[in-house]
PDB file of all heavy atoms in Angstrom:
ATOM      1  N   ARG A   1      64.026 107.599 140.972  1.00  0.00           N
ATOM      2  CA  ARG A   1      62.840 108.311 141.460  1.00  0.00           C
ATOM      3  C   ARG A   1      61.747 107.285 141.693  1.00  0.00           C
ATOM      4  O   ARG A   1      61.351 106.590 140.761  1.00  0.00           O
ATOM      5  CB  ARG A   1      62.394 109.340 140.437  1.00  0.00           C
ATOM      6  CG  ARG A   1      61.212 110.146 140.884  1.00  0.00           C
ATOM      7  CD  ARG A   1      60.929 111.257 139.891  1.00  0.00           C
ATOM      8  NE  ARG A   1      59.833 112.047 140.366  1.00  0.00           N
ATOM      9  CZ  ARG A   1      58.640 112.098 139.784  1.00  0.00           C
ATOM     10  NH1 ARG A   1      58.422 111.417 138.673  1.00  0.00           N
ATOM     11  NH2 ARG A   1      57.679 112.824 140.299  1.00  0.00           N
ATOM     12  N   GLY A   2      61.317 107.175 142.941  1.00  0.00           N
ATOM     13  CA  GLY A   2      60.262 106.225 143.282  1.00  0.00           C
ATOM     14  C   GLY A   2      60.714 105.267 144.355  1.00  0.00           C
ATOM     15  O   GLY A   2      61.476 105.626 145.244  1.00  0.00           O
ATOM     16  N   GLU A   3      60.256 104.015 144.243  1.00  0.00           N
ATOM     17  CA  GLU A   3      60.518 103.000 145.248  1.00  0.00           C
ATOM     18  C   GLU A   3      61.511 101.965 144.732  1.00  0.00           C
ATOM     19  O   GLU A   3      61.366 101.471 143.619  1.00  0.00           O
ATOM     20  CB  GLU A   3      59.212 102.315 145.637  1.00  0.00           C
ATOM     21  CG  GLU A   3      58.193 103.280 146.209  1.00  0.00           C
ATOM     22  CD  GLU A   3      56.880 102.615 146.574  1.00  0.00           C
ATOM     23  OE1 GLU A   3      56.746 101.387 146.387  1.00  0.00           O
ATOM     24  OE2 GLU A   3      55.991 103.328 147.049  1.00  0.00           O
ATOM     25  N   ILE A   4      62.502 101.658 145.561  1.00  0.00           N
ATOM     26  CA  ILE A   4      63.484 100.622 145.217  1.00  0.00           C
ATOM     27  C   ILE A   4      63.196  99.428 146.122  1.00  0.00           C
ATOM     28  O   ILE A   4      63.443  99.482 147.324  1.00  0.00           O
ATOM     29  CB  ILE A   4      64.929 101.116 145.412  1.00  0.00           C
ATOM     30  CG1 ILE A   4      65.180 102.391 144.614  1.00  0.00           C
ATOM     31  CG2 ILE A   4      65.914 100.024 145.019  1.00  0.00           C
ATOM     32  CD1 ILE A   4      66.510 103.066 144.911  1.00  0.00           C
ATOM     33  N   ASP A   5      62.641  98.385 145.518  1.00  0.00           N
ATOM     34  CA  ASP A   5      62.302  97.184 146.276  1.00  0.00           C
ATOM     35  C   ASP A   5      62.517  95.962 145.392  1.00  0.00           C
ATOM     36  O   ASP A   5      63.118  96.068 144.317  1.00  0.00           O
ATOM     37  CB  ASP A   5      60.867  97.261 146.809  1.00  0.00           C
ATOM     38  CG  ASP A   5      59.828  97.392 145.712  1.00  0.00           C
ATOM     39  OD1 ASP A   5      60.145  97.124 144.532  1.00  0.00           O
ATOM     40  OD2 ASP A   5      58.690  97.763 146.020  1.00  0.00           O
ATOM     41  N   LEU A   6      62.027  94.820 145.820  1.00  0.00           N
ATOM     42  CA  LEU A   6      62.248  93.578 145.095  1.00  0.00           C
ATOM     43  C   LEU A   6      61.749  93.649 143.655  1.00  0.00           C
ATOM     44  O   LEU A   6      62.380  93.110 142.751  1.00  0.00           O
ATOM     45  CB  LEU A   6      61.569  92.412 145.836  1.00  0.00           C
ATOM     46  CG  LEU A   6      61.817  91.030 145.278  1.00  0.00           C
ATOM     47  CD1 LEU A   6      63.308  90.703 145.289  1.00  0.00           C
ATOM     48  CD2 LEU A   6      61.044  90.000 146.088  1.00  0.00           C
ATOM     49  N   THR A   7      60.642  94.351 143.425  1.00  0.00           N
ATOM     50  CA  THR A   7      60.092  94.404 142.067  1.00  0.00           C
ATOM     51  C   THR A   7      60.759  95.433 141.171  1.00  0.00           C
ATOM     52  O   THR A   7      60.638  95.345 139.955  1.00  0.00           O
ATOM     53  CB  THR A   7      58.568  94.675 142.098  1.00  0.00           C
ATOM     54  OG1 THR A   7      58.329  95.935 142.727  1.00  0.00           O
ATOM     55  CG2 THR A   7      57.832  93.583 142.850  1.00  0.00           C
ATOM     56  N   THR A   8      61.460  96.400 141.748  1.00  0.00           N
ATOM     57  CA  THR A   8      62.043  97.469 140.928  1.00  0.00           C
ATOM     58  C   THR A   8      63.566  97.518 140.970  1.00  0.00           C
ATOM     59  O   THR A   8      64.171  98.252 140.190  1.00  0.00           O
ATOM     60  CB  THR A   8      61.506  98.846 141.361  1.00  0.00           C
ATOM     61  OG1 THR A   8      61.885  99.097 142.712  1.00  0.00           O
ATOM     62  CG2 THR A   8      59.994  98.938 141.223  1.00  0.00           C
ATOM     63  N   ALA A   9      64.198  96.770 141.858  1.00  0.00           N
ATOM     64  CA  ALA A   9      65.664  96.830 142.005  1.00  0.00           C
ATOM     65  C   ALA A   9      66.376  96.455 140.706  1.00  0.00           C
ATOM     66  O   ALA A   9      67.456  96.967 140.420  1.00  0.00           O
ATOM     67  CB  ALA A   9      66.127  95.937 143.149  1.00  0.00           C
ATOM     68  N   GLY A  10      65.771  95.586 139.903  1.00  0.00           N
ATOM     69  CA  GLY A  10      66.383  95.198 138.631  1.00  0.00           C
ATOM     70  C   GLY A  10      66.539  96.366 137.674  1.00  0.00           C
ATOM     71  O   GLY A  10      67.509  96.426 136.907  1.00  0.00           O
ATOM     72  N   ILE A  11      65.615  97.301 137.723  1.00  0.00           N
ATOM     73  CA  ILE A  11      65.705  98.498 136.876  1.00  0.00           C
ATOM     74  C   ILE A  11      66.937  99.305 137.269  1.00  0.00           C
ATOM     75  O   ILE A  11      67.707  99.740 136.414  1.00  0.00           O
ATOM     76  CB  ILE A  11      64.425  99.349 137.010  1.00  0.00           C
ATOM     77  CG1 ILE A  11      63.205  98.569 136.513  1.00  0.00           C
ATOM     78  CG2 ILE A  11      64.566 100.684 136.267  1.00  0.00           C
ATOM     79  CD1 ILE A  11      61.881  99.197 136.898  1.00  0.00           C
ATOM     80  N   LEU A  12      67.121  99.498 138.577  1.00  0.00           N
ATOM     81  CA  LEU A  12      68.290 100.238 139.051  1.00  0.00           C
ATOM     82  C   LEU A  12      69.570  99.481 138.722  1.00  0.00           C
ATOM     83  O   LEU A  12      70.543 100.065 138.257  1.00  0.00           O
ATOM     84  CB  LEU A  12      68.182 100.491 140.554  1.00  0.00           C
ATOM     85  CG  LEU A  12      69.318 101.286 141.185  1.00  0.00           C
ATOM     86  CD1 LEU A  12      69.428 102.672 140.558  1.00  0.00           C
ATOM     87  CD2 LEU A  12      69.114 101.393 142.697  1.00  0.00           C
ATOM     88  N   TRP A  13      69.566  98.163 138.932  1.00  0.00           N
ATOM     89  CA  TRP A  13      70.737  97.331 138.635  1.00  0.00           C
ATOM     90  C   TRP A  13      71.137  97.476 137.171  1.00  0.00           C
ATOM     91  O   TRP A  13      72.301  97.704 136.855  1.00  0.00           O
ATOM     92  CB  TRP A  13      70.457  95.875 138.962  1.00  0.00           C
ATOM     93  CG  TRP A  13      71.574  94.973 138.538  1.00  0.00           C
ATOM     94  CD1 TRP A  13      71.730  94.382 137.314  1.00  0.00           C
ATOM     95  CD2 TRP A  13      72.719  94.615 139.293  1.00  0.00           C
ATOM     96  NE1 TRP A  13      72.895  93.658 137.272  1.00  0.00           N
ATOM     97  CE2 TRP A  13      73.520  93.784 138.484  1.00  0.00           C
ATOM     98  CE3 TRP A  13      73.135  94.899 140.587  1.00  0.00           C
ATOM     99  CZ2 TRP A  13      74.714  93.246 138.930  1.00  0.00           C
ATOM    100  CZ3 TRP A  13      74.325  94.356 141.023  1.00  0.00           C
ATOM    101  CH2 TRP A  13      75.106  93.539 140.204  1.00  0.00           C
ATOM    102  N   ASP A  14      70.176  97.316 136.257  1.00  0.00           N
ATOM    103  CA  ASP A  14      70.480  97.399 134.826  1.00  0.00           C
ATOM    104  C   ASP A  14      71.071  98.752 134.451  1.00  0.00           C
ATOM    105  O   ASP A  14      72.029  98.839 133.689  1.00  0.00           O
ATOM    106  CB  ASP A  14      69.226  97.131 133.989  1.00  0.00           C
ATOM    107  CG  ASP A  14      68.765  95.683 134.072  1.00  0.00           C
ATOM    108  OD1 ASP A  14      69.560  94.816 134.496  1.00  0.00           O
ATOM    109  OD2 ASP A  14      67.597  95.421 133.715  1.00  0.00           O
ATOM    110  N   THR A  15      70.499  99.817 135.008  1.00  0.00           N
ATOM    111  CA  THR A  15      70.994 101.163 134.702  1.00  0.00           C
ATOM    112  C   THR A  15      72.404 101.353 135.233  1.00  0.00           C
ATOM    113  O   THR A  15      73.292 101.826 134.515  1.00  0.00           O
ATOM    114  CB  THR A  15      70.057 102.230 135.295  1.00  0.00           C
ATOM    115  OG1 THR A  15      68.741 102.019 134.788  1.00  0.00           O
ATOM    116  CG2 THR A  15      70.531 103.627 134.942  1.00  0.00           C
ATOM    117  N   LEU A  16      72.625 100.983 136.494  1.00  0.00           N
ATOM    118  CA  LEU A  16      73.958 101.152 137.085  1.00  0.00           C
ATOM    119  C   LEU A  16      74.992 100.277 136.383  1.00  0.00           C
ATOM    120  O   LEU A  16      76.128 100.701 136.172  1.00  0.00           O
ATOM    121  CB  LEU A  16      73.922 100.837 138.578  1.00  0.00           C
ATOM    122  CG  LEU A  16      73.177 101.847 139.445  1.00  0.00           C
ATOM    123  CD1 LEU A  16      73.038 101.328 140.866  1.00  0.00           C
ATOM    124  CD2 LEU A  16      73.867 103.196 139.429  1.00  0.00           C
ATOM    125  N   ASP A  17      74.587  99.075 135.993  1.00  0.00           N
ATOM    126  CA  ASP A  17      75.507  98.186 135.287  1.00  0.00           C
ATOM    127  C   ASP A  17      75.941  98.806 133.956  1.00  0.00           C
ATOM    128  O   ASP A  17      77.117  98.756 133.595  1.00  0.00           O
ATOM    129  CB  ASP A  17      74.848  96.825 135.065  1.00  0.00           C
ATOM    130  CG  ASP A  17      75.821  95.800 134.527  1.00  0.00           C
ATOM    131  OD1 ASP A  17      76.923  95.669 135.112  1.00  0.00           O
ATOM    132  OD2 ASP A  17      75.498  95.144 133.529  1.00  0.00           O
ATOM    133  N   ARG A  18      75.012  99.420 133.241  1.00  0.00           N
ATOM    134  CA  ARG A  18      75.370 100.089 131.978  1.00  0.00           C
ATOM    135  C   ARG A  18      76.303 101.267 132.231  1.00  0.00           C
ATOM    136  O   ARG A  18      77.231 101.509 131.464  1.00  0.00           O
ATOM    137  CB  ARG A  18      74.121 100.549 131.235  1.00  0.00           C
ATOM    138  CG  ARG A  18      73.391  99.423 130.541  1.00  0.00           C
ATOM    139  CD  ARG A  18      72.347  99.937 129.578  1.00  0.00           C
ATOM    140  NE  ARG A  18      71.383 100.827 130.194  1.00  0.00           N
ATOM    141  CZ  ARG A  18      70.182 100.457 130.653  1.00  0.00           C
ATOM    142  NH1 ARG A  18      69.811  99.210 130.558  1.00  0.00           N
ATOM    143  NH2 ARG A  18      69.364 101.332 131.182  1.00  0.00           N
ATOM    144  N   VAL A  19      76.069 102.005 133.315  1.00  0.00           N
ATOM    145  CA  VAL A  19      76.913 103.163 133.629  1.00  0.00           C
ATOM    146  C   VAL A  19      78.340 102.713 133.930  1.00  0.00           C
ATOM    147  O   VAL A  19      79.296 103.289 133.401  1.00  0.00           O
ATOM    148  CB  VAL A  19      76.333 103.971 134.817  1.00  0.00           C
ATOM    149  CG1 VAL A  19      77.341 104.998 135.324  1.00  0.00           C
ATOM    150  CG2 VAL A  19      75.043 104.664 134.403  1.00  0.00           C
ATOM    151  N   ILE A  20      78.511 101.690 134.749  1.00  0.00           N
ATOM    152  CA  ILE A  20      79.876 101.302 135.116  1.00  0.00           C
ATOM    153  C   ILE A  20      80.607 100.605 133.978  1.00  0.00           C
ATOM    154  O   ILE A  20      81.826 100.488 134.026  1.00  0.00           O
ATOM    155  CB  ILE A  20      79.932 100.438 136.396  1.00  0.00           C
ATOM    156  CG1 ILE A  20      79.185  99.138 136.199  1.00  0.00           C
ATOM    157  CG2 ILE A  20      79.415 101.202 137.581  1.00  0.00           C
ATOM    158  CD1 ILE A  20      79.362  98.176 137.350  1.00  0.00           C
ATOM    159  N   GLN A  21      79.892 100.176 132.952  1.00  0.00           N
ATOM    160  CA  GLN A  21      80.546  99.578 131.792  1.00  0.00           C
ATOM    161  C   GLN A  21      81.165 100.649 130.885  1.00  0.00           C
ATOM    162  O   GLN A  21      81.965 100.334 130.010  1.00  0.00           O
ATOM    163  CB  GLN A  21      79.564  98.728 130.985  1.00  0.00           C
ATOM    164  CG  GLN A  21      79.009  97.545 131.741  1.00  0.00           C
ATOM    165  CD  GLN A  21      80.073  96.598 132.256  1.00  0.00           C
ATOM    166  OE1 GLN A  21      81.082  96.378 131.612  1.00  0.00           O
ATOM    167  NE2 GLN A  21      79.849  96.036 133.429  1.00  0.00           N
ATOM    168  N   GLN A  22      80.772 101.911 131.095  1.00  0.00           N
ATOM    169  CA  GLN A  22      81.328 102.993 130.303  1.00  0.00           C
ATOM    170  C   GLN A  22      82.805 103.167 130.644  1.00  0.00           C
ATOM    171  O   GLN A  22      83.226 102.957 131.778  1.00  0.00           O
ATOM    172  CB  GLN A  22      80.587 104.311 130.559  1.00  0.00           C
ATOM    173  CG  GLN A  22      79.110 104.255 130.260  1.00  0.00           C
ATOM    174  CD  GLN A  22      78.822 103.978 128.811  1.00  0.00           C
ATOM    175  OE1 GLN A  22      79.447 104.551 127.937  1.00  0.00           O
ATOM    176  NE2 GLN A  22      77.886 103.089 128.551  1.00  0.00           N
ATOM    177  N   VAL A  23      83.559 103.592 129.695  1.00  0.00           N
ATOM    178  CA  VAL A  23      84.999 103.763 129.884  1.00  0.00           C
ATOM    179  C   VAL A  23      85.271 105.043 130.661  1.00  0.00           C
ATOM    180  O   VAL A  23      84.684 106.089 130.399  1.00  0.00           O
ATOM    181  CB  VAL A  23      85.706 103.807 128.509  1.00  0.00           C
ATOM    182  CG1 VAL A  23      87.191 104.040 128.669  1.00  0.00           C
ATOM    183  CG2 VAL A  23      85.431 102.533 127.747  1.00  0.00           C
ATOM    184  N   ALA A  24      86.144 104.958 131.643  1.00  0.00           N
ATOM    185  CA  ALA A  24      86.713 106.113 132.345  1.00  0.00           C
ATOM    186  C   ALA A  24      85.674 107.018 133.003  1.00  0.00           C
ATOM    187  O   ALA A  24      85.684 108.222 132.819  1.00  0.00           O
ATOM    188  CB  ALA A  24      87.604 106.924 131.406  1.00  0.00           C
ATOM    189  N   ILE A  25      84.789 106.453 133.800  1.00  0.00           N
ATOM    190  CA  ILE A  25      83.911 107.275 134.635  1.00  0.00           C
ATOM    191  C   ILE A  25      84.531 107.276 136.026  1.00  0.00           C
ATOM    192  O   ILE A  25      84.467 106.276 136.741  1.00  0.00           O
ATOM    193  CB  ILE A  25      82.468 106.738 134.668  1.00  0.00           C
ATOM    194  CG1 ILE A  25      81.848 106.825 133.277  1.00  0.00           C
ATOM    195  CG2 ILE A  25      81.641 107.516 135.682  1.00  0.00           C
ATOM    196  CD1 ILE A  25      80.436 106.328 133.196  1.00  0.00           C
ATOM    197  N   PRO A  26      85.158 108.386 136.415  1.00  0.00           N
ATOM    198  CA  PRO A  26      85.875 108.401 137.690  1.00  0.00           C
ATOM    199  C   PRO A  26      84.954 108.412 138.910  1.00  0.00           C
ATOM    200  O   PRO A  26      85.328 107.944 139.979  1.00  0.00           O
ATOM    201  CB  PRO A  26      86.711 109.671 137.635  1.00  0.00           C
ATOM    202  CG  PRO A  26      86.041 110.533 136.630  1.00  0.00           C
ATOM    203  CD  PRO A  26      85.342 109.618 135.667  1.00  0.00           C
ATOM    204  N   LYS A  27      83.730 108.936 138.756  1.00  0.00           N
ATOM    205  CA  LYS A  27      82.847 109.034 139.914  1.00  0.00           C
ATOM    206  C   LYS A  27      81.416 108.771 139.469  1.00  0.00           C
ATOM    207  O   LYS A  27      80.942 109.348 138.486  1.00  0.00           O
ATOM    208  CB  LYS A  27      82.942 110.413 140.548  1.00  0.00           C
ATOM    209  CG  LYS A  27      82.019 110.610 141.734  1.00  0.00           C
ATOM    210  CD  LYS A  27      82.145 112.022 142.287  1.00  0.00           C
ATOM    211  CE  LYS A  27      81.133 112.305 143.354  1.00  0.00           C
ATOM    212  NZ  LYS A  27      81.165 113.709 143.769  1.00  0.00           N
ATOM    213  N   ILE A  28      80.741 107.916 140.235  1.00  0.00           N
ATOM    214  CA  ILE A  28      79.315 107.678 140.032  1.00  0.00           C
ATOM    215  C   ILE A  28      78.608 108.161 141.282  1.00  0.00           C
ATOM    216  O   ILE A  28      78.872 107.692 142.386  1.00  0.00           O
ATOM    217  CB  ILE A  28      79.007 106.187 139.797  1.00  0.00           C
ATOM    218  CG1 ILE A  28      79.722 105.695 138.547  1.00  0.00           C
ATOM    219  CG2 ILE A  28      77.505 105.970 139.682  1.00  0.00           C
ATOM    220  CD1 ILE A  28      79.637 104.196 138.342  1.00  0.00           C
ATOM    221  N   GLU A  29      77.751 109.131 141.098  1.00  0.00           N
ATOM    222  CA  GLU A  29      76.958 109.677 142.201  1.00  0.00           C
ATOM    223  C   GLU A  29      75.532 109.170 142.055  1.00  0.00           C
ATOM    224  O   GLU A  29      74.939 109.284 140.987  1.00  0.00           O
ATOM    225  CB  GLU A  29      76.969 111.201 142.163  1.00  0.00           C
ATOM    226  CG  GLU A  29      76.048 111.838 143.167  1.00  0.00           C
ATOM    227  CD  GLU A  29      75.931 113.337 142.996  1.00  0.00           C
ATOM    228  OE1 GLU A  29      76.883 113.971 142.479  1.00  0.00           O
ATOM    229  OE2 GLU A  29      74.879 113.887 143.358  1.00  0.00           O
ATOM    230  N   ILE A  30      74.987 108.629 143.127  1.00  0.00           N
ATOM    231  CA  ILE A  30      73.594 108.216 143.145  1.00  0.00           C
ATOM    232  C   ILE A  30      72.851 109.249 143.979  1.00  0.00           C
ATOM    233  O   ILE A  30      73.015 109.315 145.198  1.00  0.00           O
ATOM    234  CB  ILE A  30      73.397 106.814 143.766  1.00  0.00           C
ATOM    235  CG1 ILE A  30      74.372 105.809 143.184  1.00  0.00           C
ATOM    236  CG2 ILE A  30      71.951 106.366 143.611  1.00  0.00           C
ATOM    237  CD1 ILE A  30      74.211 105.535 141.732  1.00  0.00           C
ATOM    238  N   ASP A  31      72.055 110.077 143.318  1.00  0.00           N
ATOM    239  CA  ASP A  31      71.271 111.108 143.993  1.00  0.00           C
ATOM    240  C   ASP A  31      69.960 110.466 144.449  1.00  0.00           C
ATOM    241  O   ASP A  31      69.071 110.212 143.655  1.00  0.00           O
ATOM    242  CB  ASP A  31      71.006 112.265 143.030  1.00  0.00           C
ATOM    243  CG  ASP A  31      70.238 113.393 143.669  1.00  0.00           C
ATOM    244  OD1 ASP A  31      69.600 113.194 144.722  1.00  0.00           O
ATOM    245  OD2 ASP A  31      70.244 114.504 143.094  1.00  0.00           O
ATOM    246  N   MET A  32      69.862 110.190 145.744  1.00  0.00           N
ATOM    247  CA  MET A  32      68.721 109.461 146.306  1.00  0.00           C
ATOM    248  C   MET A  32      67.571 110.378 146.730  1.00  0.00           C
ATOM    249  O   MET A  32      66.617 109.927 147.338  1.00  0.00           O
ATOM    250  CB  MET A  32      69.196 108.650 147.516  1.00  0.00           C
ATOM    251  CG  MET A  32      70.305 107.656 147.227  1.00  0.00           C
ATOM    252  SD  MET A  32      69.767 106.286 146.219  1.00  0.00           S
ATOM    253  CE  MET A  32      68.914 105.309 147.442  1.00  0.00           C
ATOM    254  N   GLY A  33      67.641 111.648 146.380  1.00  0.00           N
ATOM    255  CA  GLY A  33      66.669 112.626 146.847  1.00  0.00           C
ATOM    256  C   GLY A  33      65.228 112.339 146.493  1.00  0.00           C
ATOM    257  O   GLY A  33      64.321 112.767 147.203  1.00  0.00           O
ATOM    258  N   ASP A  34      64.977 111.621 145.410  1.00  0.00           N
ATOM    259  CA  ASP A  34      63.601 111.330 145.001  1.00  0.00           C
ATOM    260  C   ASP A  34      63.195 109.884 145.273  1.00  0.00           C
ATOM    261  O   ASP A  34      62.209 109.394 144.721  1.00  0.00           O
ATOM    262  CB  ASP A  34      63.424 111.633 143.510  1.00  0.00           C
ATOM    263  CG  ASP A  34      63.456 113.129 143.224  1.00  0.00           C
ATOM    264  OD1 ASP A  34      62.980 113.911 144.076  1.00  0.00           O
ATOM    265  OD2 ASP A  34      63.963 113.516 142.158  1.00  0.00           O
ATOM    266  N   VAL A  35      63.949 109.193 146.121  1.00  0.00           N
ATOM    267  CA  VAL A  35      63.592 107.822 146.492  1.00  0.00           C
ATOM    268  C   VAL A  35      62.649 107.892 147.686  1.00  0.00           C
ATOM    269  O   VAL A  35      62.992 108.414 148.742  1.00  0.00           O
ATOM    270  CB  VAL A  35      64.848 106.984 146.823  1.00  0.00           C
ATOM    271  CG1 VAL A  35      64.465 105.623 147.368  1.00  0.00           C
ATOM    272  CG2 VAL A  35      65.721 106.853 145.586  1.00  0.00           C
ATOM    273  N   SER A  36      61.444 107.362 147.509  1.00  0.00           N
ATOM    274  CA  SER A  36      60.438 107.420 148.575  1.00  0.00           C
ATOM    275  C   SER A  36      60.461 106.191 149.470  1.00  0.00           C
ATOM    276  O   SER A  36      59.909 106.212 150.568  1.00  0.00           O
ATOM    277  CB  SER A  36      59.044 107.589 147.968  1.00  0.00           C
ATOM    278  OG  SER A  36      58.766 106.526 147.067  1.00  0.00           O
ATOM    279  N   PHE A  37      61.107 105.104 149.019  1.00  0.00           N
ATOM    280  CA  PHE A  37      61.172 103.870 149.796  1.00  0.00           C
ATOM    281  C   PHE A  37      62.315 103.024 149.259  1.00  0.00           C
ATOM    282  O   PHE A  37      62.567 103.007 148.058  1.00  0.00           O
ATOM    283  CB  PHE A  37      59.853 103.085 149.667  1.00  0.00           C
ATOM    284  CG  PHE A  37      59.892 101.742 150.333  1.00  0.00           C
ATOM    285  CD1 PHE A  37      59.688 101.615 151.692  1.00  0.00           C
ATOM    286  CD2 PHE A  37      60.125 100.594 149.591  1.00  0.00           C
ATOM    287  CE1 PHE A  37      59.731 100.374 152.312  1.00  0.00           C
ATOM    288  CE2 PHE A  37      60.169  99.346 150.199  1.00  0.00           C
ATOM    289  CZ  PHE A  37      59.964  99.240 151.556  1.00  0.00           C
ATOM    290  N   MET A  38      62.991 102.322 150.151  1.00  0.00           N
ATOM    291  CA  MET A  38      63.989 101.343 149.721  1.00  0.00           C
ATOM    292  C   MET A  38      64.028 100.220 150.741  1.00  0.00           C
ATOM    293  O   MET A  38      64.013 100.474 151.948  1.00  0.00           O
ATOM    294  CB  MET A  38      65.380 101.968 149.586  1.00  0.00           C
ATOM    295  CG  MET A  38      66.394 101.000 148.989  1.00  0.00           C
ATOM    296  SD  MET A  38      67.974 101.757 148.556  1.00  0.00           S
ATOM    297  CE  MET A  38      68.858 101.614 150.101  1.00  0.00           C
ATOM    298  N   ASP A  39      64.061  98.977 150.245  1.00  0.00           N
ATOM    299  CA  ASP A  39      64.205  97.841 151.143  1.00  0.00           C
ATOM    300  C   ASP A  39      65.547  97.162 150.882  1.00  0.00           C
ATOM    301  O   ASP A  39      66.396  97.695 150.164  1.00  0.00           O
ATOM    302  CB  ASP A  39      63.014  96.882 151.033  1.00  0.00           C
ATOM    303  CG  ASP A  39      62.912  96.182 149.690  1.00  0.00           C
ATOM    304  OD1 ASP A  39      63.850  96.256 148.869  1.00  0.00           O
ATOM    305  OD2 ASP A  39      61.865  95.540 149.443  1.00  0.00           O
ATOM    306  N   CYS A  40      65.729  95.972 151.437  1.00  0.00           N
ATOM    307  CA  CYS A  40      67.017  95.283 151.326  1.00  0.00           C
ATOM    308  C   CYS A  40      67.384  94.930 149.892  1.00  0.00           C
ATOM    309  O   CYS A  40      68.572  94.785 149.583  1.00  0.00           O
ATOM    310  CB  CYS A  40      67.014  94.038 152.198  1.00  0.00           C
ATOM    311  SG  CYS A  40      67.035  94.453 153.957  1.00  0.00           S
ATOM    312  N   ALA A  41      66.406  94.822 149.007  1.00  0.00           N
ATOM    313  CA  ALA A  41      66.722  94.563 147.594  1.00  0.00           C
ATOM    314  C   ALA A  41      67.523  95.726 147.014  1.00  0.00           C
ATOM    315  O   ALA A  41      68.415  95.528 146.194  1.00  0.00           O
ATOM    316  CB  ALA A  41      65.448  94.333 146.787  1.00  0.00           C
ATOM    317  N   GLY A  42      67.223  96.934 147.436  1.00  0.00           N
ATOM    318  CA  GLY A  42      67.995  98.089 146.999  1.00  0.00           C
ATOM    319  C   GLY A  42      69.420  98.034 147.510  1.00  0.00           C
ATOM    320  O   GLY A  42      70.373  98.337 146.792  1.00  0.00           O
TER     321      GLY A  42
END
């Protein structure tokens, strides 16, 4: 929720990295509905 850019992409990276480290998650859905901006860092 918010803006994904050079200053905030690390927050998303850390969260997603923790999620994929979990055992046996067959599907990861990224609900982008509350993203107001994203640049190439995203």
